[in-house]
């Protein structure tokens, strides 16, 4: 499962939330399930693409006043509403494995196991449509033994009574262990065409996504999205990176209860 695809799916699911409300701002329980297909790079930095089936899951419920449990794609969390605009919480997400067989460029590299990352997040709903959010996520399965951080914004607006548009973007940071795992080349894995490389911690990429959700019946919705990551810094300079711009597209069908 590619993180690029899942990030875009999350943006598309967010497009289903009226007026870009955070989960904790919507007290009514809700459930949306579906399936989609994404076309995205084989790994972060690849110049070859593949189609991947992805789950579309969006569920939330207020377990106690001001505390909301939610699931969105392969991300889950608990939000606490501090006031009408500010919420804090704990979230967890799954980062897919990377196999050396995914690409000729990776051949001979060590496989990277899937990672379950967990950490704090904070969200500020600046307006009814504009939200600001930041998180720090730590690896719990020894896949990369590091952490990532993201700060971003999302803006949602109705295009009609049955169509919602969401635009989101952010900047992403990776710790040294994280960057070494996904963009580094150990000396014993270097080849004539792949030099040894030891990157440092820092900003890894900017992301931008556009998601649209169109409800053609009371329960059924068609979802679509386009997006891209743009690799920067030491991540972009890696011998494993063939393209700094990493576009992706997604289309899916979902049912809301």
C-alpha atoms as a PDB file:
ATOM      1  CA  UNK A   1       0.000   0.000   0.000  1.00  0.00           C
ATOM      2  CA  UNK A   2       1.549   3.296  -1.073  1.00  0.00           C
ATOM      3  CA  UNK A   3       1.547   6.250   1.319  1.00  0.00           C
ATOM      4  CA  UNK A   4       1.096   8.608  -1.651  1.00  0.00           C
ATOM      5  CA  UNK A   5      -2.190   6.920  -2.515  1.00  0.00           C
ATOM      6  CA  UNK A   6      -3.433   6.892   1.058  1.00  0.00           C
ATOM      7  CA  UNK A   7      -2.687  10.574   1.552  1.00  0.00           C
ATOM      8  CA  UNK A   8      -4.757  11.422  -1.507  1.00  0.00           C
ATOM      9  CA  UNK A   9      -7.571   9.125  -0.343  1.00  0.00           C
ATOM     10  CA  UNK A  10      -7.643  10.953   2.984  1.00  0.00           C
ATOM     11  CA  UNK A  11      -8.051  14.263   1.165  1.00  0.00           C
ATOM     12  CA  UNK A  12     -10.928  12.865  -0.892  1.00  0.00           C
ATOM     13  CA  UNK A  13     -12.623  11.563   2.257  1.00  0.00           C
ATOM     14  CA  UNK A  14     -12.214  14.972   3.872  1.00  0.00           C
ATOM     15  CA  UNK A  15     -14.150  16.402   0.951  1.00  0.00           C
ATOM     16  CA  UNK A  16     -17.197  14.613   2.307  1.00  0.00           C
ATOM     17  CA  UNK A  17     -17.190  16.602   5.549  1.00  0.00           C
ATOM     18  CA  UNK A  18     -19.490  19.582   5.280  1.00  0.00           C
ATOM     19  CA  UNK A  19     -17.732  22.926   5.589  1.00  0.00           C
ATOM     20  CA  UNK A  20     -14.369  21.242   6.339  1.00  0.00           C
ATOM     21  CA  UNK A  21     -15.340  20.609   9.960  1.00  0.00           C
ATOM     22  CA  UNK A  22     -12.921  18.643  12.104  1.00  0.00           C
ATOM     23  CA  UNK A  23     -14.282  15.312  13.331  1.00  0.00           C
ATOM     24  CA  UNK A  24     -14.771  16.565  16.857  1.00  0.00           C
ATOM     25  CA  UNK A  25     -16.951  19.390  15.596  1.00  0.00           C
ATOM     26  CA  UNK A  26     -19.501  16.979  14.166  1.00  0.00           C
ATOM     27  CA  UNK A  27     -21.334  15.169  16.958  1.00  0.00           C
ATOM     28  CA  UNK A  28     -23.495  12.935  14.777  1.00  0.00           C
ATOM     29  CA  UNK A  29     -21.983   9.440  14.218  1.00  0.00           C
ATOM     30  CA  UNK A  30     -21.294   8.721  10.560  1.00  0.00           C
ATOM     31  CA  UNK A  31     -19.922   5.891   8.467  1.00  0.00           C
ATOM     32  CA  UNK A  32     -18.769   5.842   4.867  1.00  0.00           C
ATOM     33  CA  UNK A  33     -17.175   2.787   3.272  1.00  0.00           C
ATOM     34  CA  UNK A  34     -15.989   2.136  -0.246  1.00  0.00           C
ATOM     35  CA  UNK A  35     -13.155   1.123  -2.474  1.00  0.00           C
ATOM     36  CA  UNK A  36     -10.983   3.060  -4.854  1.00  0.00           C
ATOM     37  CA  UNK A  37      -8.058   2.735  -7.204  1.00  0.00           C
ATOM     38  CA  UNK A  38      -4.988   4.959  -7.193  1.00  0.00           C
ATOM     39  CA  UNK A  39      -2.297   5.442  -9.797  1.00  0.00           C
ATOM     40  CA  UNK A  40       0.889   6.558  -8.073  1.00  0.00           C
ATOM     41  CA  UNK A  41       4.692   6.141  -8.097  1.00  0.00           C
ATOM     42  CA  UNK A  42       5.975   2.692  -7.108  1.00  0.00           C
ATOM     43  CA  UNK A  43       7.842   4.289  -4.194  1.00  0.00           C
ATOM     44  CA  UNK A  44       8.753   7.798  -3.070  1.00  0.00           C
ATOM     45  CA  UNK A  45      11.052   9.115  -5.782  1.00  0.00           C
ATOM     46  CA  UNK A  46      10.209   6.560  -8.478  1.00  0.00           C
ATOM     47  CA  UNK A  47       9.655   7.430 -12.119  1.00  0.00           C
ATOM     48  CA  UNK A  48       7.515   4.341 -12.725  1.00  0.00           C
ATOM     49  CA  UNK A  49       3.882   4.107 -11.655  1.00  0.00           C
ATOM     50  CA  UNK A  50       1.452   1.411 -10.634  1.00  0.00           C
ATOM     51  CA  UNK A  51      -2.267   1.060  -9.946  1.00  0.00           C
ATOM     52  CA  UNK A  52      -3.259   0.101  -6.410  1.00  0.00           C
ATOM     53  CA  UNK A  53      -6.606  -0.716  -4.801  1.00  0.00           C
ATOM     54  CA  UNK A  54      -7.216   1.361  -1.682  1.00  0.00           C
ATOM     55  CA  UNK A  55      -9.893   1.285   1.033  1.00  0.00           C
ATOM     56  CA  UNK A  56     -12.178   4.282   1.515  1.00  0.00           C
ATOM     57  CA  UNK A  57     -13.289   4.357   5.138  1.00  0.00           C
ATOM     58  CA  UNK A  58     -14.573   7.386   7.011  1.00  0.00           C
ATOM     59  CA  UNK A  59     -16.155   6.852  10.412  1.00  0.00           C
ATOM     60  CA  UNK A  60     -16.559   8.962  13.535  1.00  0.00           C
ATOM     61  CA  UNK A  61     -18.402   8.853  16.809  1.00  0.00           C
ATOM     62  CA  UNK A  62     -18.422  11.080  19.872  1.00  0.00           C
ATOM     63  CA  UNK A  63     -17.577   8.684  22.714  1.00  0.00           C
ATOM     64  CA  UNK A  64     -17.908  11.324  25.448  1.00  0.00           C
ATOM     65  CA  UNK A  65     -18.746  15.021  25.229  1.00  0.00           C
ATOM     66  CA  UNK A  66     -15.914  16.728  23.360  1.00  0.00           C
ATOM     67  CA  UNK A  67     -14.028  13.479  22.610  1.00  0.00           C
ATOM     68  CA  UNK A  68     -14.401  11.926  19.175  1.00  0.00           C
ATOM     69  CA  UNK A  69     -13.000   8.666  17.840  1.00  0.00           C
ATOM     70  CA  UNK A  70     -12.468   8.558  14.069  1.00  0.00           C
ATOM     71  CA  UNK A  71     -11.187   6.382  11.237  1.00  0.00           C
ATOM     72  CA  UNK A  72     -10.163   7.810   7.857  1.00  0.00           C
ATOM     73  CA  UNK A  73      -8.574   5.432   5.363  1.00  0.00           C
ATOM     74  CA  UNK A  74      -5.766   3.700   7.255  1.00  0.00           C
ATOM     75  CA  UNK A  75      -5.579   6.519   9.802  1.00  0.00           C
ATOM     76  CA  UNK A  76      -7.344   6.480  13.162  1.00  0.00           C
ATOM     77  CA  UNK A  77      -7.343   8.812  16.116  1.00  0.00           C
ATOM     78  CA  UNK A  78      -8.983  10.403  19.108  1.00  0.00           C
ATOM     79  CA  UNK A  79      -9.701  14.145  19.123  1.00  0.00           C
ATOM     80  CA  UNK A  80     -10.455  16.298  22.134  1.00  0.00           C
ATOM     81  CA  UNK A  81     -12.297  19.548  21.464  1.00  0.00           C
ATOM     82  CA  UNK A  82     -10.676  22.300  23.545  1.00  0.00           C
ATOM     83  CA  UNK A  83     -13.050  24.984  22.298  1.00  0.00           C
ATOM     84  CA  UNK A  84     -15.129  25.729  19.200  1.00  0.00           C
ATOM     85  CA  UNK A  85     -12.034  26.076  16.995  1.00  0.00           C
ATOM     86  CA  UNK A  86      -9.163  24.223  18.668  1.00  0.00           C
ATOM     87  CA  UNK A  87      -8.805  20.463  19.031  1.00  0.00           C
ATOM     88  CA  UNK A  88      -5.905  18.273  20.124  1.00  0.00           C
ATOM     89  CA  UNK A  89      -5.560  14.542  19.792  1.00  0.00           C
ATOM     90  CA  UNK A  90      -3.633  11.372  19.199  1.00  0.00           C
ATOM     91  CA  UNK A  91      -3.498   9.754  15.767  1.00  0.00           C
ATOM     92  CA  UNK A  92      -2.006   6.650  14.195  1.00  0.00           C
ATOM     93  CA  UNK A  93      -1.433   5.718  10.571  1.00  0.00           C
ATOM     94  CA  UNK A  94       0.033   2.900   8.510  1.00  0.00           C
ATOM     95  CA  UNK A  95       2.924   3.413   6.097  1.00  0.00           C
ATOM     96  CA  UNK A  96       3.204   0.635   3.536  1.00  0.00           C
ATOM     97  CA  UNK A  97       6.237  -1.586   3.085  1.00  0.00           C
ATOM     98  CA  UNK A  98       8.819  -1.030   0.380  1.00  0.00           C
ATOM     99  CA  UNK A  99      10.309  -4.085  -1.331  1.00  0.00           C
ATOM    100  CA  UNK A 100      13.531  -4.099  -3.291  1.00  0.00           C
ATOM    101  CA  UNK A 101      11.555  -5.828  -6.040  1.00  0.00           C
ATOM    102  CA  UNK A 102       9.353  -2.737  -6.435  1.00  0.00           C
ATOM    103  CA  UNK A 103      11.815  -1.218  -8.914  1.00  0.00           C
ATOM    104  CA  UNK A 104      15.091  -1.885 -10.703  1.00  0.00           C
ATOM    105  CA  UNK A 105      16.470   1.152  -8.882  1.00  0.00           C
ATOM    106  CA  UNK A 106      15.867  -0.569  -5.527  1.00  0.00           C
ATOM    107  CA  UNK A 107      17.261  -3.929  -6.540  1.00  0.00           C
ATOM    108  CA  UNK A 108      19.781  -5.090  -3.949  1.00  0.00           C
ATOM    109  CA  UNK A 109      18.530  -2.656  -1.292  1.00  0.00           C
ATOM    110  CA  UNK A 110      17.133  -3.922   1.995  1.00  0.00           C
ATOM    111  CA  UNK A 111      13.352  -4.279   2.154  1.00  0.00           C
ATOM    112  CA  UNK A 112      11.558  -1.812   4.447  1.00  0.00           C
ATOM    113  CA  UNK A 113       8.741  -3.254   6.546  1.00  0.00           C
ATOM    114  CA  UNK A 114       5.389  -1.560   6.945  1.00  0.00           C
ATOM    115  CA  UNK A 115       5.317   1.010   9.740  1.00  0.00           C
ATOM    116  CA  UNK A 116       2.584   1.933  12.190  1.00  0.00           C
ATOM    117  CA  UNK A 117       3.203   5.528  13.213  1.00  0.00           C
ATOM    118  CA  UNK A 118       1.525   7.236  16.144  1.00  0.00           C
ATOM    119  CA  UNK A 119       1.753  10.663  17.717  1.00  0.00           C
ATOM    120  CA  UNK A 120       0.055  13.921  18.722  1.00  0.00           C
ATOM    121  CA  UNK A 121      -1.793  16.321  16.467  1.00  0.00           C
ATOM    122  CA  UNK A 122      -3.378  19.730  16.827  1.00  0.00           C
ATOM    123  CA  UNK A 123      -6.024  21.350  14.617  1.00  0.00           C
ATOM    124  CA  UNK A 124      -7.279  24.920  14.479  1.00  0.00           C
ATOM    125  CA  UNK A 125     -10.451  25.641  12.526  1.00  0.00           C
ATOM    126  CA  UNK A 126      -9.660  29.191  11.408  1.00  0.00           C
ATOM    127  CA  UNK A 127     -12.952  29.616   9.568  1.00  0.00           C
ATOM    128  CA  UNK A 128     -15.899  27.393   8.725  1.00  0.00           C
ATOM    129  CA  UNK A 129     -14.013  26.283   5.601  1.00  0.00           C
ATOM    130  CA  UNK A 130     -10.300  26.709   6.437  1.00  0.00           C
ATOM    131  CA  UNK A 131      -8.492  24.371   8.812  1.00  0.00           C
ATOM    132  CA  UNK A 132      -4.857  24.323   9.979  1.00  0.00           C
ATOM    133  CA  UNK A 133      -3.352  21.084  11.264  1.00  0.00           C
ATOM    134  CA  UNK A 134       0.003  19.735  12.452  1.00  0.00           C
ATOM    135  CA  UNK A 135       1.184  16.338  13.670  1.00  0.00           C
ATOM    136  CA  UNK A 136       4.288  14.444  14.740  1.00  0.00           C
ATOM    137  CA  UNK A 137       4.280  10.664  14.145  1.00  0.00           C
ATOM    138  CA  UNK A 138       6.723   8.131  15.608  1.00  0.00           C
ATOM    139  CA  UNK A 139       7.456   4.661  14.206  1.00  0.00           C
ATOM    140  CA  UNK A 140       6.329   1.916  16.611  1.00  0.00           C
ATOM    141  CA  UNK A 141       7.278  -1.187  14.579  1.00  0.00           C
ATOM    142  CA  UNK A 142      11.025  -0.571  14.060  1.00  0.00           C
ATOM    143  CA  UNK A 143      10.508  -0.069  10.336  1.00  0.00           C
ATOM    144  CA  UNK A 144      12.490   3.172  10.248  1.00  0.00           C
ATOM    145  CA  UNK A 145      12.927   3.951  13.990  1.00  0.00           C
ATOM    146  CA  UNK A 146      12.368   7.644  13.347  1.00  0.00           C
ATOM    147  CA  UNK A 147       9.616  10.203  13.174  1.00  0.00           C
ATOM    148  CA  UNK A 148       7.923  12.515  10.704  1.00  0.00           C
ATOM    149  CA  UNK A 149       6.188  15.848  11.166  1.00  0.00           C
ATOM    150  CA  UNK A 150       3.719  17.700   8.978  1.00  0.00           C
ATOM    151  CA  UNK A 151       2.156  21.155   9.072  1.00  0.00           C
ATOM    152  CA  UNK A 152      -0.561  21.955   6.583  1.00  0.00           C
ATOM    153  CA  UNK A 153      -3.909  23.485   5.753  1.00  0.00           C
ATOM    154  CA  UNK A 154      -7.137  22.381   4.085  1.00  0.00           C
ATOM    155  CA  UNK A 155      -9.973  24.353   2.574  1.00  0.00           C
ATOM    156  CA  UNK A 156     -13.378  22.919   1.718  1.00  0.00           C
ATOM    157  CA  UNK A 157     -16.152  24.506  -0.289  1.00  0.00           C
ATOM    158  CA  UNK A 158     -19.417  23.223  -1.762  1.00  0.00           C
ATOM    159  CA  UNK A 159     -19.597  23.418  -5.532  1.00  0.00           C
ATOM    160  CA  UNK A 160     -23.285  22.550  -5.387  1.00  0.00           C
ATOM    161  CA  UNK A 161     -25.756  20.935  -2.988  1.00  0.00           C
ATOM    162  CA  UNK A 162     -24.324  17.518  -3.871  1.00  0.00           C
ATOM    163  CA  UNK A 163     -20.672  18.232  -4.704  1.00  0.00           C
ATOM    164  CA  UNK A 164     -17.885  19.142  -2.275  1.00  0.00           C
ATOM    165  CA  UNK A 165     -14.353  20.251  -3.126  1.00  0.00           C
ATOM    166  CA  UNK A 166     -11.383  20.073  -0.745  1.00  0.00           C
ATOM    167  CA  UNK A 167      -7.934  21.513  -1.361  1.00  0.00           C
ATOM    168  CA  UNK A 168      -5.065  20.687   0.999  1.00  0.00           C
ATOM    169  CA  UNK A 169      -1.326  21.165   1.200  1.00  0.00           C
ATOM    170  CA  UNK A 170       1.540  20.959   3.631  1.00  0.00           C
ATOM    171  CA  UNK A 171       5.243  20.652   4.305  1.00  0.00           C
ATOM    172  CA  UNK A 172       6.802  17.472   5.668  1.00  0.00           C
ATOM    173  CA  UNK A 173       9.854  16.815   7.866  1.00  0.00           C
ATOM    174  CA  UNK A 174      11.710  13.560   8.443  1.00  0.00           C
ATOM    175  CA  UNK A 175      14.123  12.601  11.216  1.00  0.00           C
ATOM    176  CA  UNK A 176      17.578  11.269  10.327  1.00  0.00           C
ATOM    177  CA  UNK A 177      16.535   7.640  10.875  1.00  0.00           C
ATOM    178  CA  UNK A 178      13.479   8.109   8.663  1.00  0.00           C
ATOM    179  CA  UNK A 179      15.382   9.833   5.851  1.00  0.00           C
ATOM    180  CA  UNK A 180      18.219   7.296   6.005  1.00  0.00           C
ATOM    181  CA  UNK A 181      15.719   4.427   5.715  1.00  0.00           C
ATOM    182  CA  UNK A 182      13.800   5.690   2.680  1.00  0.00           C
ATOM    183  CA  UNK A 183      16.411   7.778   0.851  1.00  0.00           C
ATOM    184  CA  UNK A 184      19.800   6.579   2.051  1.00  0.00           C
ATOM    185  CA  UNK A 185      22.087   4.065   0.336  1.00  0.00           C
ATOM    186  CA  UNK A 186      24.369   2.108   2.725  1.00  0.00           C
ATOM    187  CA  UNK A 187      27.943   1.570   1.581  1.00  0.00           C
ATOM    188  CA  UNK A 188      27.366  -2.171   1.297  1.00  0.00           C
ATOM    189  CA  UNK A 189      24.369  -1.545  -1.023  1.00  0.00           C
ATOM    190  CA  UNK A 190      26.153   0.847  -3.385  1.00  0.00           C
ATOM    191  CA  UNK A 191      26.675  -0.179  -7.006  1.00  0.00           C
ATOM    192  CA  UNK A 192      28.298   1.286 -10.085  1.00  0.00           C
ATOM    193  CA  UNK A 193      25.042   3.094 -10.871  1.00  0.00           C
ATOM    194  CA  UNK A 194      23.906   3.778  -7.269  1.00  0.00           C
ATOM    195  CA  UNK A 195      26.372   5.666  -5.102  1.00  0.00           C
ATOM    196  CA  UNK A 196      26.465   5.370  -1.329  1.00  0.00           C
ATOM    197  CA  UNK A 197      24.445   8.174   0.234  1.00  0.00           C
ATOM    198  CA  UNK A 198      23.890   9.294   3.833  1.00  0.00           C
ATOM    199  CA  UNK A 199      21.199  12.000   4.046  1.00  0.00           C
ATOM    200  CA  UNK A 200      20.483  14.144   7.092  1.00  0.00           C
ATOM    201  CA  UNK A 201      17.229  15.031   8.823  1.00  0.00           C
ATOM    202  CA  UNK A 202      15.232  17.875   7.332  1.00  0.00           C
ATOM    203  CA  UNK A 203      12.292  18.838   5.163  1.00  0.00           C
ATOM    204  CA  UNK A 204      11.566  15.996   2.753  1.00  0.00           C
ATOM    205  CA  UNK A 205       8.701  17.240   0.590  1.00  0.00           C
ATOM    206  CA  UNK A 206       5.744  19.508   0.041  1.00  0.00           C
ATOM    207  CA  UNK A 207       2.362  17.953  -0.724  1.00  0.00           C
ATOM    208  CA  UNK A 208      -0.723  19.312  -2.483  1.00  0.00           C
ATOM    209  CA  UNK A 209      -4.029  17.548  -3.101  1.00  0.00           C
ATOM    210  CA  UNK A 210      -7.449  18.286  -4.561  1.00  0.00           C
ATOM    211  CA  UNK A 211     -10.398  16.046  -3.727  1.00  0.00           C
ATOM    212  CA  UNK A 212     -13.960  16.042  -5.025  1.00  0.00           C
ATOM    213  CA  UNK A 213     -16.935  14.115  -3.706  1.00  0.00           C
ATOM    214  CA  UNK A 214     -20.186  14.000  -5.671  1.00  0.00           C
ATOM    215  CA  UNK A 215     -23.274  12.430  -4.076  1.00  0.00           C
ATOM    216  CA  UNK A 216     -25.530  11.094  -6.790  1.00  0.00           C
ATOM    217  CA  UNK A 217     -27.999   9.549  -4.333  1.00  0.00           C
ATOM    218  CA  UNK A 218     -28.616   9.987  -0.610  1.00  0.00           C
ATOM    219  CA  UNK A 219     -26.158   7.177   0.139  1.00  0.00           C
ATOM    220  CA  UNK A 220     -23.868   6.698  -2.866  1.00  0.00           C
ATOM    221  CA  UNK A 221     -20.973   8.994  -3.714  1.00  0.00           C
ATOM    222  CA  UNK A 222     -18.325   9.142  -6.402  1.00  0.00           C
ATOM    223  CA  UNK A 223     -14.933  10.345  -5.190  1.00  0.00           C
ATOM    224  CA  UNK A 224     -11.926  11.516  -7.145  1.00  0.00           C
ATOM    225  CA  UNK A 225      -8.689  13.336  -6.552  1.00  0.00           C
ATOM    226  CA  UNK A 226      -5.382  14.486  -7.939  1.00  0.00           C
ATOM    227  CA  UNK A 227      -2.273  15.417  -6.033  1.00  0.00           C
ATOM    228  CA  UNK A 228       1.482  15.498  -5.922  1.00  0.00           C
ATOM    229  CA  UNK A 229       4.455  15.427  -3.596  1.00  0.00           C
ATOM    230  CA  UNK A 230       7.518  17.500  -4.457  1.00  0.00           C
ATOM    231  CA  UNK A 231      10.708  16.123  -2.930  1.00  0.00           C
ATOM    232  CA  UNK A 232      13.238  18.613  -1.598  1.00  0.00           C
ATOM    233  CA  UNK A 233      16.500  18.732   0.340  1.00  0.00           C
ATOM    234  CA  UNK A 234      18.513  15.603   1.039  1.00  0.00           C
ATOM    235  CA  UNK A 235      15.551  13.423   0.083  1.00  0.00           C
ATOM    236  CA  UNK A 236      15.484  14.891  -3.433  1.00  0.00           C
ATOM    237  CA  UNK A 237      19.263  14.429  -3.806  1.00  0.00           C
ATOM    238  CA  UNK A 238      19.106  10.681  -3.137  1.00  0.00           C
ATOM    239  CA  UNK A 239      20.362   8.308  -5.863  1.00  0.00           C
ATOM    240  CA  UNK A 240      17.069   6.441  -5.357  1.00  0.00           C
ATOM    241  CA  UNK A 241      15.053   9.464  -6.488  1.00  0.00           C
ATOM    242  CA  UNK A 242      14.455   9.542 -10.225  1.00  0.00           C
ATOM    243  CA  UNK A 243      11.753  12.227 -10.210  1.00  0.00           C
ATOM    244  CA  UNK A 244      11.307  14.976  -7.636  1.00  0.00           C
ATOM    245  CA  UNK A 245       7.683  15.573  -8.626  1.00  0.00           C
ATOM    246  CA  UNK A 246       5.492  12.648  -7.575  1.00  0.00           C
ATOM    247  CA  UNK A 247       1.949  13.002  -9.002  1.00  0.00           C
ATOM    248  CA  UNK A 248      -0.938  10.665  -8.270  1.00  0.00           C
ATOM    249  CA  UNK A 249      -4.630  10.267  -9.099  1.00  0.00           C
ATOM    250  CA  UNK A 250      -7.465   8.402  -7.369  1.00  0.00           C
ATOM    251  CA  UNK A 251     -11.059   7.417  -8.136  1.00  0.00           C
ATOM    252  CA  UNK A 252     -13.476   5.568  -5.901  1.00  0.00           C
ATOM    253  CA  UNK A 253     -17.075   4.698  -5.037  1.00  0.00           C
ATOM    254  CA  UNK A 254     -18.457   4.895  -1.494  1.00  0.00           C
ATOM    255  CA  UNK A 255     -21.663   4.246   0.455  1.00  0.00           C
ATOM    256  CA  UNK A 256     -22.691   6.367   3.463  1.00  0.00           C
ATOM    257  CA  UNK A 257     -24.914   5.027   6.217  1.00  0.00           C
END
